[in-house]
Amino acid sequence: MSVFKANPSAFAETGAIVTVHNRPRLRVVPLPDDEPEQLAAIKTRLRLLSALLPAEVVEEERRALAADRDADRLDDAR
């Protein structure tokens, strides 16, 4: 724990399991970066939707896309 507390950002990219008295207490899991092509496609889709549909519909789509992304990240972290 003391090594982690001294520099927690050092484990942001690699991940780590932090122990206290040889017992695991914390797992640091790096989040994967979104692929540039995938991110560009999502942005294009949202721009197109915002030009064609009401703001409420666009916001619902944005939330659905964010929920899908977050679910994928949680699955990858496990």
N, C-alpha and C. Protein backbone atom coordinates (compact mmCIF):
# COMPACT_ATOMS: atom_id res chain seq x y z
N MET A 1 0.82 -1.19 0.00
CA MET A 1 0.00 0.00 0.00
C MET A 1 0.86 1.26 0.00
N SER A 2 1.96 1.24 0.73
CA SER A 2 2.80 2.44 0.82
C SER A 2 3.41 2.79 -0.54
N VAL A 3 3.79 1.79 -1.33
CA VAL A 3 4.34 2.04 -2.66
C VAL A 3 3.27 2.66 -3.55
N PHE A 4 2.05 2.15 -3.47
CA PHE A 4 0.95 2.67 -4.26
C PHE A 4 0.62 4.11 -3.84
N LYS A 5 0.58 4.38 -2.54
CA LYS A 5 0.27 5.72 -2.05
C LYS A 5 1.32 6.74 -2.49
N ALA A 6 2.55 6.31 -2.59
CA ALA A 6 3.63 7.22 -2.96
C ALA A 6 3.50 7.70 -4.40
N ASN A 7 2.99 6.85 -5.29
CA ASN A 7 2.88 7.23 -6.70
C ASN A 7 1.76 6.43 -7.37
N PRO A 8 0.50 6.74 -7.08
CA PRO A 8 -0.59 5.95 -7.66
C PRO A 8 -0.69 6.06 -9.17
N SER A 9 -0.28 7.20 -9.73
CA SER A 9 -0.39 7.35 -11.18
C SER A 9 0.57 6.42 -11.93
N ALA A 10 1.59 5.90 -11.27
CA ALA A 10 2.51 4.98 -11.92
C ALA A 10 1.83 3.68 -12.31
N PHE A 11 0.73 3.36 -11.65
CA PHE A 11 0.03 2.11 -11.93
C PHE A 11 -1.17 2.29 -12.85
N ALA A 12 -1.41 3.52 -13.32
CA ALA A 12 -2.58 3.80 -14.14
C ALA A 12 -2.57 3.06 -15.47
N GLU A 13 -1.41 2.91 -16.08
CA GLU A 13 -1.33 2.24 -17.38
C GLU A 13 -1.11 0.75 -17.28
N THR A 14 -0.46 0.30 -16.23
CA THR A 14 -0.12 -1.12 -16.12
C THR A 14 -1.10 -1.91 -15.28
N GLY A 15 -1.73 -1.23 -14.30
CA GLY A 15 -2.61 -1.94 -13.39
C GLY A 15 -1.81 -2.56 -12.26
N ALA A 16 -2.49 -2.90 -11.17
CA ALA A 16 -1.82 -3.49 -10.02
C ALA A 16 -2.84 -4.04 -9.04
N ILE A 17 -2.39 -4.91 -8.18
CA ILE A 17 -3.19 -5.35 -7.05
C ILE A 17 -2.46 -4.85 -5.80
N VAL A 18 -3.12 -4.01 -5.03
CA VAL A 18 -2.53 -3.41 -3.84
C VAL A 18 -2.89 -4.29 -2.65
N THR A 19 -1.88 -4.63 -1.86
CA THR A 19 -2.11 -5.50 -0.70
C THR A 19 -1.80 -4.76 0.59
N VAL A 20 -2.48 -5.16 1.63
CA VAL A 20 -2.21 -4.70 2.99
C VAL A 20 -2.02 -5.95 3.83
N HIS A 21 -0.86 -6.10 4.42
CA HIS A 21 -0.52 -7.29 5.21
C HIS A 21 -0.74 -8.57 4.38
N ASN A 22 -0.26 -8.51 3.14
CA ASN A 22 -0.33 -9.64 2.20
C ASN A 22 -1.76 -10.05 1.83
N ARG A 23 -2.71 -9.18 2.01
CA ARG A 23 -4.10 -9.45 1.59
C ARG A 23 -4.49 -8.42 0.54
N PRO A 24 -5.04 -8.86 -0.56
CA PRO A 24 -5.45 -7.91 -1.60
C PRO A 24 -6.55 -6.99 -1.10
N ARG A 25 -6.37 -5.68 -1.32
CA ARG A 25 -7.35 -4.70 -0.87
C ARG A 25 -7.87 -3.83 -2.00
N LEU A 26 -7.11 -3.73 -3.07
CA LEU A 26 -7.46 -2.81 -4.15
C LEU A 26 -6.89 -3.33 -5.45
N ARG A 27 -7.69 -3.26 -6.49
CA ARG A 27 -7.21 -3.63 -7.82
C ARG A 27 -7.30 -2.40 -8.71
N VAL A 28 -6.19 -2.02 -9.29
CA VAL A 28 -6.13 -0.90 -10.22
C VAL A 28 -6.15 -1.50 -11.62
N VAL A 29 -7.15 -1.10 -12.40
CA VAL A 29 -7.31 -1.66 -13.75
C VAL A 29 -7.25 -0.53 -14.76
N PRO A 30 -6.32 -0.58 -15.70
CA PRO A 30 -6.27 0.47 -16.71
C PRO A 30 -7.45 0.37 -17.66
N LEU A 31 -7.97 1.52 -18.07
CA LEU A 31 -9.07 1.55 -19.02
C LEU A 31 -8.50 1.59 -20.43
N PRO A 32 -9.06 0.77 -21.32
CA PRO A 32 -8.57 0.78 -22.70
C PRO A 32 -8.98 2.06 -23.41
N ASP A 33 -8.12 2.52 -24.29
CA ASP A 33 -8.45 3.69 -25.10
C ASP A 33 -9.44 3.29 -26.19
N ASP A 34 -10.36 4.21 -26.50
CA ASP A 34 -11.26 3.95 -27.63
C ASP A 34 -10.45 4.03 -28.91
N GLU A 35 -10.77 3.18 -29.84
CA GLU A 35 -10.08 3.21 -31.12
C GLU A 35 -10.49 4.48 -31.86
N PRO A 36 -9.53 5.16 -32.50
CA PRO A 36 -9.86 6.41 -33.19
C PRO A 36 -10.96 6.26 -34.24
N GLU A 37 -10.96 5.15 -34.98
CA GLU A 37 -11.97 4.96 -36.02
C GLU A 37 -13.36 4.81 -35.39
N GLN A 38 -13.42 4.08 -34.30
CA GLN A 38 -14.70 3.87 -33.62
C GLN A 38 -15.22 5.19 -33.06
N LEU A 39 -14.34 5.96 -32.46
CA LEU A 39 -14.72 7.25 -31.89
C LEU A 39 -15.19 8.20 -32.99
N ALA A 40 -14.50 8.23 -34.11
CA ALA A 40 -14.88 9.09 -35.22
C ALA A 40 -16.25 8.69 -35.76
N ALA A 41 -16.53 7.39 -35.83
CA ALA A 41 -17.83 6.92 -36.32
C ALA A 41 -18.96 7.35 -35.38
N ILE A 42 -18.70 7.28 -34.09
CA ILE A 42 -19.71 7.69 -33.11
C ILE A 42 -19.98 9.18 -33.22
N LYS A 43 -18.93 9.98 -33.33
CA LYS A 43 -19.11 11.42 -33.47
C LYS A 43 -19.88 11.77 -34.73
N THR A 44 -19.56 11.11 -35.84
CA THR A 44 -20.27 11.36 -37.09
C THR A 44 -21.74 11.01 -36.95
N ARG A 45 -22.02 9.89 -36.32
CA ARG A 45 -23.41 9.46 -36.12
C ARG A 45 -24.19 10.48 -35.29
N LEU A 46 -23.58 10.96 -34.22
CA LEU A 46 -24.26 11.94 -33.37
C LEU A 46 -24.46 13.27 -34.09
N ARG A 47 -23.50 13.69 -34.89
CA ARG A 47 -23.67 14.93 -35.68
C ARG A 47 -24.82 14.79 -36.67
N LEU A 48 -24.88 13.66 -37.33
CA LEU A 48 -25.96 13.42 -38.30
C LEU A 48 -27.31 13.39 -37.60
N LEU A 49 -27.38 12.69 -36.48
CA LEU A 49 -28.64 12.64 -35.74
C LEU A 49 -29.06 14.03 -35.27
N SER A 50 -28.10 14.83 -34.82
CA SER A 50 -28.44 16.17 -34.32
C SER A 50 -28.96 17.07 -35.43
N ALA A 51 -28.54 16.81 -36.65
CA ALA A 51 -29.02 17.60 -37.78
C ALA A 51 -30.42 17.17 -38.21
N LEU A 52 -30.80 15.92 -37.94
CA LEU A 52 -32.05 15.39 -38.46
C LEU A 52 -33.15 15.23 -37.41
N LEU A 53 -32.77 15.06 -36.15
CA LEU A 53 -33.75 14.69 -35.13
C LEU A 53 -33.77 15.69 -33.98
N PRO A 54 -34.84 15.66 -33.18
CA PRO A 54 -34.90 16.55 -32.01
C PRO A 54 -33.79 16.24 -31.00
N ALA A 55 -33.46 17.24 -30.19
CA ALA A 55 -32.38 17.12 -29.21
C ALA A 55 -32.60 15.98 -28.23
N GLU A 56 -33.86 15.70 -27.87
CA GLU A 56 -34.15 14.63 -26.92
C GLU A 56 -33.73 13.27 -27.48
N VAL A 57 -33.98 13.05 -28.74
CA VAL A 57 -33.63 11.77 -29.38
C VAL A 57 -32.11 11.62 -29.44
N VAL A 58 -31.43 12.71 -29.77
CA VAL A 58 -29.97 12.68 -29.85
C VAL A 58 -29.38 12.39 -28.47
N GLU A 59 -29.94 13.00 -27.44
CA GLU A 59 -29.45 12.77 -26.08
C GLU A 59 -29.67 11.32 -25.65
N GLU A 60 -30.80 10.74 -26.00
CA GLU A 60 -31.05 9.32 -25.69
C GLU A 60 -30.03 8.42 -26.38
N GLU A 61 -29.73 8.72 -27.63
CA GLU A 61 -28.74 7.93 -28.38
C GLU A 61 -27.35 8.08 -27.76
N ARG A 62 -27.00 9.30 -27.37
CA ARG A 62 -25.70 9.53 -26.74
C ARG A 62 -25.58 8.74 -25.44
N ARG A 63 -26.63 8.74 -24.65
CA ARG A 63 -26.60 7.98 -23.40
C ARG A 63 -26.51 6.47 -23.65
N ALA A 64 -27.20 5.99 -24.67
CA ALA A 64 -27.14 4.57 -25.00
C ALA A 64 -25.72 4.18 -25.44
N LEU A 65 -25.11 5.03 -26.27
CA LEU A 65 -23.74 4.75 -26.71
C LEU A 65 -22.77 4.77 -25.53
N ALA A 66 -22.93 5.71 -24.61
CA ALA A 66 -22.07 5.78 -23.44
C ALA A 66 -22.25 4.56 -22.55
N ALA A 67 -23.49 4.11 -22.39
CA ALA A 67 -23.75 2.93 -21.56
C ALA A 67 -23.11 1.69 -22.17
N ASP A 68 -23.19 1.55 -23.49
CA ASP A 68 -22.54 0.42 -24.17
C ASP A 68 -21.03 0.46 -23.97
N ARG A 69 -20.46 1.64 -24.13
CA ARG A 69 -19.00 1.79 -23.96
C ARG A 69 -18.60 1.44 -22.53
N ASP A 70 -19.34 1.96 -21.55
CA ASP A 70 -19.00 1.70 -20.16
C ASP A 70 -19.16 0.22 -19.81
N ALA A 71 -20.17 -0.44 -20.37
CA ALA A 71 -20.36 -1.87 -20.11
C ALA A 71 -19.19 -2.66 -20.68
N ASP A 72 -18.72 -2.27 -21.88
CA ASP A 72 -17.57 -2.95 -22.46
C ASP A 72 -16.33 -2.77 -21.60
N ARG A 73 -16.13 -1.58 -21.06
CA ARG A 73 -14.95 -1.33 -20.23
C ARG A 73 -15.02 -2.13 -18.94
N LEU A 74 -16.21 -2.24 -18.36
CA LEU A 74 -16.35 -3.02 -17.14
C LEU A 74 -16.09 -4.49 -17.40
N ASP A 75 -16.57 -5.00 -18.55
CA ASP A 75 -16.33 -6.39 -18.91
C ASP A 75 -14.85 -6.66 -19.10
N ASP A 76 -14.14 -5.70 -19.73
CA ASP A 76 -12.70 -5.85 -19.97
C ASP A 76 -11.92 -5.81 -18.66
N ALA A 77 -12.42 -5.07 -17.68
CA ALA A 77 -11.72 -4.93 -16.40
C ALA A 77 -11.84 -6.21 -15.55
N ARG A 78 -12.82 -6.99 -15.80
CA ARG A 78 -13.02 -8.19 -14.97
C ARG A 78 -12.16 -9.30 -15.41
